[in-house]
Amino acid sequence: MQKYLLLIIVGLGLAASSVYLLVAKPVAAAQTEQSSAVFDADGKLELPTGFRKWVFVGAPLTPNGLNGGKAGFPEYHHVYVEQKNVDAYLKTGEFPEGTVIVKELTRVLDPTFPDGSRKEPSGRGYFNGEYNGIDLTVKDSKRFAKTNGWGFFTFGHHPLPYDKVAAEKPVTECAGCHIANVAATDMTWIQFYPLLRDKQGY
């Protein structure tokens, strides 16, 4: 009797383990694929946290001093993408659904020359100054079907603290430029980021 009871207990344990594995795997997969984009009840996007720990893919600069004092974005653009989405891009050439790309702006550090540059021990050049805003884009083909599957947001072009939520920007302010210039590269300025452009891995 004890022998049969032991067999029953072992059998129940194996069954429970199988059920756990079947349930746990989909849950883990869902968590892995979950986007960092969080929208509130009004459809506004919440500012993500921890993005400075993501993969830093580059920092283009178009200073006022080289654009007649009227550069559209006179700051450094520090661009961050989560590692899982960089990995996917390097494999497929496209970002997966839910990808968030953060562009944090920093001003040029205290210019001393008319072109906005300054001199440091390393030589004359441009150096990072204070934080000055965040732009962000999210890939969601259903939510942003009218703008090639990407939504564009701004959390303020000003020093810290940034706005905590942001509404989608009109096509004329952000998406239109991406559609006109980088629609063929998943709406992203891949040419500015060697890590993504050359697909050399990291």
C-alpha atoms as a PDB file:
ATOM      1  CA  MET A   1       0.000   0.000   0.000  1.00  0.00           C
ATOM      2  CA  GLN A   2       2.792   2.378   0.931  1.00  0.00           C
ATOM      3  CA  LYS A   3       4.511   1.556  -2.353  1.00  0.00           C
ATOM      4  CA  TYR A   4       1.432   2.522  -4.368  1.00  0.00           C
ATOM      5  CA  LEU A   5       0.951   5.658  -2.277  1.00  0.00           C
ATOM      6  CA  LEU A   6       4.555   6.696  -2.976  1.00  0.00           C
ATOM      7  CA  LEU A   7       4.045   6.165  -6.712  1.00  0.00           C
ATOM      8  CA  ILE A   8       0.925   8.325  -6.631  1.00  0.00           C
ATOM      9  CA  ILE A   9       2.751  11.132  -4.805  1.00  0.00           C
ATOM     10  CA  VAL A  10       5.657  11.005  -7.276  1.00  0.00           C
ATOM     11  CA  GLY A  11       3.220  11.019 -10.198  1.00  0.00           C
ATOM     12  CA  LEU A  12       1.370  14.037  -8.832  1.00  0.00           C
ATOM     13  CA  GLY A  13       4.685  15.851  -8.329  1.00  0.00           C
ATOM     14  CA  LEU A  14       5.735  15.229 -11.935  1.00  0.00           C
ATOM     15  CA  ALA A  15       2.349  16.387 -13.212  1.00  0.00           C
ATOM     16  CA  ALA A  16       2.560  19.578 -11.156  1.00  0.00           C
ATOM     17  CA  SER A  17       6.060  20.246 -12.488  1.00  0.00           C
ATOM     18  CA  SER A  18       4.862  19.817 -16.077  1.00  0.00           C
ATOM     19  CA  VAL A  19       1.983  22.231 -15.526  1.00  0.00           C
ATOM     20  CA  TYR A  20       4.344  24.777 -13.972  1.00  0.00           C
ATOM     21  CA  LEU A  21       6.709  24.614 -16.932  1.00  0.00           C
ATOM     22  CA  LEU A  22       3.874  24.995 -19.427  1.00  0.00           C
ATOM     23  CA  VAL A  23       2.517  28.045 -17.586  1.00  0.00           C
ATOM     24  CA  ALA A  24       5.833  29.623 -16.616  1.00  0.00           C
ATOM     25  CA  LYS A  25       7.353  29.648 -20.087  1.00  0.00           C
ATOM     26  CA  PRO A  26       4.643  31.791 -21.725  1.00  0.00           C
ATOM     27  CA  VAL A  27       4.695  34.188 -18.757  1.00  0.00           C
ATOM     28  CA  ALA A  28       8.470  34.579 -19.010  1.00  0.00           C
ATOM     29  CA  ALA A  29       8.187  35.091 -22.770  1.00  0.00           C
ATOM     30  CA  ALA A  30       5.523  37.752 -22.281  1.00  0.00           C
ATOM     31  CA  GLN A  31       7.728  39.589 -19.790  1.00  0.00           C
ATOM     32  CA  THR A  32      10.689  39.441 -22.192  1.00  0.00           C
ATOM     33  CA  GLU A  33       8.652  40.892 -25.042  1.00  0.00           C
ATOM     34  CA  GLN A  34       6.974  43.556 -22.917  1.00  0.00           C
ATOM     35  CA  SER A  35       7.561  47.118 -24.085  1.00  0.00           C
ATOM     36  CA  SER A  36       8.911  49.859 -21.847  1.00  0.00           C
ATOM     37  CA  ALA A  37       6.249  52.149 -23.316  1.00  0.00           C
ATOM     38  CA  VAL A  38       3.495  52.791 -20.760  1.00  0.00           C
ATOM     39  CA  PHE A  39       0.436  54.792 -21.792  1.00  0.00           C
ATOM     40  CA  ASP A  40      -2.047  56.334 -19.370  1.00  0.00           C
ATOM     41  CA  ALA A  41      -5.844  56.358 -19.742  1.00  0.00           C
ATOM     42  CA  ASP A  42      -5.654  59.459 -21.942  1.00  0.00           C
ATOM     43  CA  GLY A  43      -3.187  57.847 -24.337  1.00  0.00           C
ATOM     44  CA  LYS A  44      -0.268  59.902 -23.095  1.00  0.00           C
ATOM     45  CA  LEU A  45       3.122  58.225 -22.777  1.00  0.00           C
ATOM     46  CA  GLU A  46       4.855  58.047 -19.409  1.00  0.00           C
ATOM     47  CA  LEU A  47       8.539  58.981 -19.251  1.00  0.00           C
ATOM     48  CA  PRO A  48      10.489  55.692 -18.952  1.00  0.00           C
ATOM     49  CA  THR A  49      12.967  55.190 -16.131  1.00  0.00           C
ATOM     50  CA  GLY A  50      16.417  53.647 -16.255  1.00  0.00           C
ATOM     51  CA  PHE A  51      16.977  54.386 -19.935  1.00  0.00           C
ATOM     52  CA  ARG A  52      20.541  55.641 -19.338  1.00  0.00           C
ATOM     53  CA  LYS A  53      21.410  52.003 -18.580  1.00  0.00           C
ATOM     54  CA  TRP A  54      20.243  50.922 -22.032  1.00  0.00           C
ATOM     55  CA  VAL A  55      22.613  50.561 -24.995  1.00  0.00           C
ATOM     56  CA  PHE A  56      24.049  53.954 -25.945  1.00  0.00           C
ATOM     57  CA  VAL A  57      24.128  53.937 -29.756  1.00  0.00           C
ATOM     58  CA  GLY A  58      25.465  57.420 -30.519  1.00  0.00           C
ATOM     59  CA  ALA A  59      25.343  61.200 -30.072  1.00  0.00           C
ATOM     60  CA  PRO A  60      24.967  63.310 -33.235  1.00  0.00           C
ATOM     61  CA  LEU A  61      25.489  67.069 -32.927  1.00  0.00           C
ATOM     62  CA  THR A  62      24.277  69.921 -35.143  1.00  0.00           C
ATOM     63  CA  PRO A  63      25.391  73.049 -33.238  1.00  0.00           C
ATOM     64  CA  ASN A  64      24.066  76.562 -33.788  1.00  0.00           C
ATOM     65  CA  GLY A  65      27.560  77.726 -34.673  1.00  0.00           C
ATOM     66  CA  LEU A  66      27.564  75.601 -37.837  1.00  0.00           C
ATOM     67  CA  ASN A  67      23.970  76.391 -38.803  1.00  0.00           C
ATOM     68  CA  GLY A  68      23.770  80.174 -38.866  1.00  0.00           C
ATOM     69  CA  GLY A  69      22.697  80.251 -35.233  1.00  0.00           C
ATOM     70  CA  LYS A  70      19.415  78.508 -36.068  1.00  0.00           C
ATOM     71  CA  ALA A  71      19.973  74.771 -35.756  1.00  0.00           C
ATOM     72  CA  GLY A  72      16.761  72.808 -35.343  1.00  0.00           C
ATOM     73  CA  PHE A  73      18.372  70.722 -32.610  1.00  0.00           C
ATOM     74  CA  PRO A  74      21.512  72.543 -31.390  1.00  0.00           C
ATOM     75  CA  GLU A  75      22.242  69.933 -28.716  1.00  0.00           C
ATOM     76  CA  TYR A  76      23.951  66.558 -28.586  1.00  0.00           C
ATOM     77  CA  HIS A  77      21.442  63.748 -29.144  1.00  0.00           C
ATOM     78  CA  HIS A  78      22.280  60.920 -26.747  1.00  0.00           C
ATOM     79  CA  VAL A  79      20.369  57.966 -28.165  1.00  0.00           C
ATOM     80  CA  TYR A  80      19.499  54.889 -26.090  1.00  0.00           C
ATOM     81  CA  VAL A  81      17.834  51.599 -27.084  1.00  0.00           C
ATOM     82  CA  GLU A  82      17.164  48.564 -24.885  1.00  0.00           C
ATOM     83  CA  GLN A  83      19.655  45.732 -25.464  1.00  0.00           C
ATOM     84  CA  LYS A  84      17.003  43.195 -26.514  1.00  0.00           C
ATOM     85  CA  ASN A  85      15.860  45.546 -29.278  1.00  0.00           C
ATOM     86  CA  VAL A  86      19.399  46.303 -30.442  1.00  0.00           C
ATOM     87  CA  ASP A  87      20.035  42.552 -30.604  1.00  0.00           C
ATOM     88  CA  ALA A  88      16.890  42.085 -32.694  1.00  0.00           C
ATOM     89  CA  TYR A  89      17.869  44.881 -35.068  1.00  0.00           C
ATOM     90  CA  LEU A  90      21.350  43.463 -35.590  1.00  0.00           C
ATOM     91  CA  LYS A  91      19.795  40.107 -36.534  1.00  0.00           C
ATOM     92  CA  THR A  92      16.878  41.262 -38.697  1.00  0.00           C
ATOM     93  CA  GLY A  93      17.488  44.853 -39.779  1.00  0.00           C
ATOM     94  CA  GLU A  94      14.232  45.921 -38.135  1.00  0.00           C
ATOM     95  CA  PHE A  95      13.208  46.878 -34.619  1.00  0.00           C
ATOM     96  CA  PRO A  96      10.554  44.655 -32.974  1.00  0.00           C
ATOM     97  CA  GLU A  97       7.147  45.893 -31.938  1.00  0.00           C
ATOM     98  CA  GLY A  98       7.290  47.804 -28.661  1.00  0.00           C
ATOM     99  CA  THR A  99      10.787  49.203 -29.243  1.00  0.00           C
ATOM    100  CA  VAL A 100      11.422  52.491 -27.456  1.00  0.00           C
ATOM    101  CA  ILE A 101      14.183  54.814 -28.648  1.00  0.00           C
ATOM    102  CA  VAL A 102      15.116  57.636 -26.277  1.00  0.00           C
ATOM    103  CA  LYS A 103      16.963  60.725 -27.469  1.00  0.00           C
ATOM    104  CA  GLU A 104      18.194  62.793 -24.527  1.00  0.00           C
ATOM    105  CA  LEU A 105      19.527  66.227 -25.376  1.00  0.00           C
ATOM    106  CA  THR A 106      22.530  67.931 -23.802  1.00  0.00           C
ATOM    107  CA  ARG A 107      23.624  71.478 -24.506  1.00  0.00           C
ATOM    108  CA  VAL A 108      27.067  72.323 -25.796  1.00  0.00           C
ATOM    109  CA  LEU A 109      29.280  73.140 -22.815  1.00  0.00           C
ATOM    110  CA  ASP A 110      29.831  76.901 -22.279  1.00  0.00           C
ATOM    111  CA  PRO A 111      30.952  78.031 -25.769  1.00  0.00           C
ATOM    112  CA  THR A 112      33.830  80.501 -25.915  1.00  0.00           C
ATOM    113  CA  PHE A 113      34.198  80.810 -29.718  1.00  0.00           C
ATOM    114  CA  PRO A 114      31.630  82.175 -32.202  1.00  0.00           C
ATOM    115  CA  ASP A 115      31.064  78.705 -33.685  1.00  0.00           C
ATOM    116  CA  GLY A 116      29.979  77.397 -30.284  1.00  0.00           C
ATOM    117  CA  SER A 117      33.183  75.501 -29.556  1.00  0.00           C
ATOM    118  CA  ARG A 118      35.623  75.857 -26.670  1.00  0.00           C
ATOM    119  CA  LYS A 119      39.191  74.872 -25.917  1.00  0.00           C
ATOM    120  CA  GLU A 120      40.096  72.067 -23.530  1.00  0.00           C
ATOM    121  CA  PRO A 121      43.343  70.113 -22.851  1.00  0.00           C
ATOM    122  CA  SER A 122      42.345  67.685 -25.599  1.00  0.00           C
ATOM    123  CA  GLY A 123      41.981  70.525 -28.107  1.00  0.00           C
ATOM    124  CA  ARG A 124      39.306  72.830 -29.465  1.00  0.00           C
ATOM    125  CA  GLY A 125      35.942  71.199 -29.915  1.00  0.00           C
ATOM    126  CA  TYR A 126      32.440  70.598 -28.630  1.00  0.00           C
ATOM    127  CA  PHE A 127      31.749  69.086 -25.225  1.00  0.00           C
ATOM    128  CA  ASN A 128      28.631  67.966 -23.368  1.00  0.00           C
ATOM    129  CA  GLY A 129      26.942  70.529 -21.158  1.00  0.00           C
ATOM    130  CA  GLU A 130      23.725  70.266 -19.142  1.00  0.00           C
ATOM    131  CA  TYR A 131      20.774  68.032 -19.922  1.00  0.00           C
ATOM    132  CA  ASN A 132      18.190  69.860 -21.988  1.00  0.00           C
ATOM    133  CA  GLY A 133      15.251  67.622 -22.836  1.00  0.00           C
ATOM    134  CA  ILE A 134      14.022  64.296 -24.154  1.00  0.00           C
ATOM    135  CA  ASP A 135      12.465  63.161 -27.405  1.00  0.00           C
ATOM    136  CA  LEU A 136      11.234  59.594 -27.679  1.00  0.00           C
ATOM    137  CA  THR A 137       9.778  57.300 -30.311  1.00  0.00           C
ATOM    138  CA  VAL A 138       7.815  54.055 -29.889  1.00  0.00           C
ATOM    139  CA  LYS A 139       7.185  51.323 -32.454  1.00  0.00           C
ATOM    140  CA  ASP A 140       3.561  50.196 -32.341  1.00  0.00           C
ATOM    141  CA  SER A 141       2.170  49.409 -35.779  1.00  0.00           C
ATOM    142  CA  LYS A 142      -1.480  49.388 -34.652  1.00  0.00           C
ATOM    143  CA  ARG A 143      -1.454  52.468 -32.446  1.00  0.00           C
ATOM    144  CA  PHE A 144       0.624  54.526 -34.899  1.00  0.00           C
ATOM    145  CA  ALA A 145      -0.481  53.076 -38.236  1.00  0.00           C
ATOM    146  CA  LYS A 146      -0.798  56.564 -39.777  1.00  0.00           C
ATOM    147  CA  THR A 147       2.901  57.334 -39.190  1.00  0.00           C
ATOM    148  CA  ASN A 148       4.555  54.153 -40.486  1.00  0.00           C
ATOM    149  CA  GLY A 149       4.136  52.359 -37.173  1.00  0.00           C
ATOM    150  CA  TRP A 150       6.061  54.785 -34.986  1.00  0.00           C
ATOM    151  CA  GLY A 151       4.793  57.396 -32.517  1.00  0.00           C
ATOM    152  CA  PHE A 152       6.825  60.470 -31.554  1.00  0.00           C
ATOM    153  CA  PHE A 153       6.841  62.240 -28.197  1.00  0.00           C
ATOM    154  CA  THR A 154       8.637  65.123 -26.487  1.00  0.00           C
ATOM    155  CA  PHE A 155       9.056  65.443 -22.729  1.00  0.00           C
ATOM    156  CA  GLY A 156      10.272  69.019 -22.987  1.00  0.00           C
ATOM    157  CA  HIS A 157      13.222  70.826 -24.524  1.00  0.00           C
ATOM    158  CA  HIS A 158      14.479  72.320 -21.286  1.00  0.00           C
ATOM    159  CA  PRO A 159      16.729  71.458 -18.312  1.00  0.00           C
ATOM    160  CA  LEU A 160      15.716  68.896 -15.696  1.00  0.00           C
ATOM    161  CA  PRO A 161      13.166  68.001 -14.469  1.00  0.00           C
ATOM    162  CA  TYR A 162      11.448  66.735 -17.616  1.00  0.00           C
ATOM    163  CA  ASP A 163       7.711  66.392 -18.099  1.00  0.00           C
ATOM    164  CA  LYS A 164       6.388  63.102 -16.686  1.00  0.00           C
ATOM    165  CA  VAL A 165       3.931  62.388 -19.519  1.00  0.00           C
ATOM    166  CA  ALA A 166       3.687  63.443 -23.143  1.00  0.00           C
ATOM    167  CA  ALA A 167       1.054  63.400 -25.873  1.00  0.00           C
ATOM    168  CA  GLU A 168       1.910  62.207 -29.369  1.00  0.00           C
ATOM    169  CA  LYS A 169       3.426  64.979 -31.477  1.00  0.00           C
ATOM    170  CA  PRO A 170       1.699  66.062 -34.712  1.00  0.00           C
ATOM    171  CA  VAL A 171       3.028  64.591 -37.966  1.00  0.00           C
ATOM    172  CA  THR A 172       4.334  68.016 -38.995  1.00  0.00           C
ATOM    173  CA  GLU A 173       6.643  68.223 -35.961  1.00  0.00           C
ATOM    174  CA  CYS A 174       8.382  64.845 -35.970  1.00  0.00           C
ATOM    175  CA  ALA A 175       7.018  61.905 -37.948  1.00  0.00           C
ATOM    176  CA  GLY A 176       6.873  63.821 -41.226  1.00  0.00           C
ATOM    177  CA  CYS A 177      10.641  64.340 -41.276  1.00  0.00           C
ATOM    178  CA  HIS A 178      11.266  60.668 -40.521  1.00  0.00           C
ATOM    179  CA  ILE A 179       8.810  59.553 -43.209  1.00  0.00           C
ATOM    180  CA  ALA A 180      10.488  61.824 -45.762  1.00  0.00           C
ATOM    181  CA  ASN A 181      14.061  60.864 -44.927  1.00  0.00           C
ATOM    182  CA  VAL A 182      14.367  57.483 -43.173  1.00  0.00           C
ATOM    183  CA  ALA A 183      11.252  55.482 -44.011  1.00  0.00           C
ATOM    184  CA  ALA A 184      13.480  52.852 -45.651  1.00  0.00           C
ATOM    185  CA  THR A 185      15.473  52.255 -42.447  1.00  0.00           C
ATOM    186  CA  ASP A 186      12.584  51.570 -40.061  1.00  0.00           C
ATOM    187  CA  MET A 187      11.977  55.292 -39.495  1.00  0.00           C
ATOM    188  CA  THR A 188      15.338  55.600 -37.722  1.00  0.00           C
ATOM    189  CA  TRP A 189      18.503  57.569 -38.568  1.00  0.00           C
ATOM    190  CA  ILE A 190      20.585  54.402 -38.685  1.00  0.00           C
ATOM    191  CA  GLN A 191      23.311  56.115 -40.734  1.00  0.00           C
ATOM    192  CA  PHE A 192      24.363  58.134 -37.676  1.00  0.00           C
ATOM    193  CA  TYR A 193      24.954  55.114 -35.420  1.00  0.00           C
ATOM    194  CA  PRO A 194      27.846  52.796 -36.408  1.00  0.00           C
ATOM    195  CA  LEU A 195      26.663  50.070 -34.031  1.00  0.00           C
ATOM    196  CA  LEU A 196      23.380  49.784 -35.929  1.00  0.00           C
ATOM    197  CA  ARG A 197      24.595  50.873 -39.360  1.00  0.00           C
ATOM    198  CA  ASP A 198      27.523  48.471 -39.657  1.00  0.00           C
ATOM    199  CA  LYS A 199      25.948  45.618 -37.652  1.00  0.00           C
ATOM    200  CA  GLN A 200      29.257  44.675 -36.070  1.00  0.00           C
ATOM    201  CA  GLY A 201      27.744  43.651 -32.749  1.00  0.00           C
ATOM    202  CA  TYR A 202      29.094  44.743 -29.373  1.00  0.00           C
END
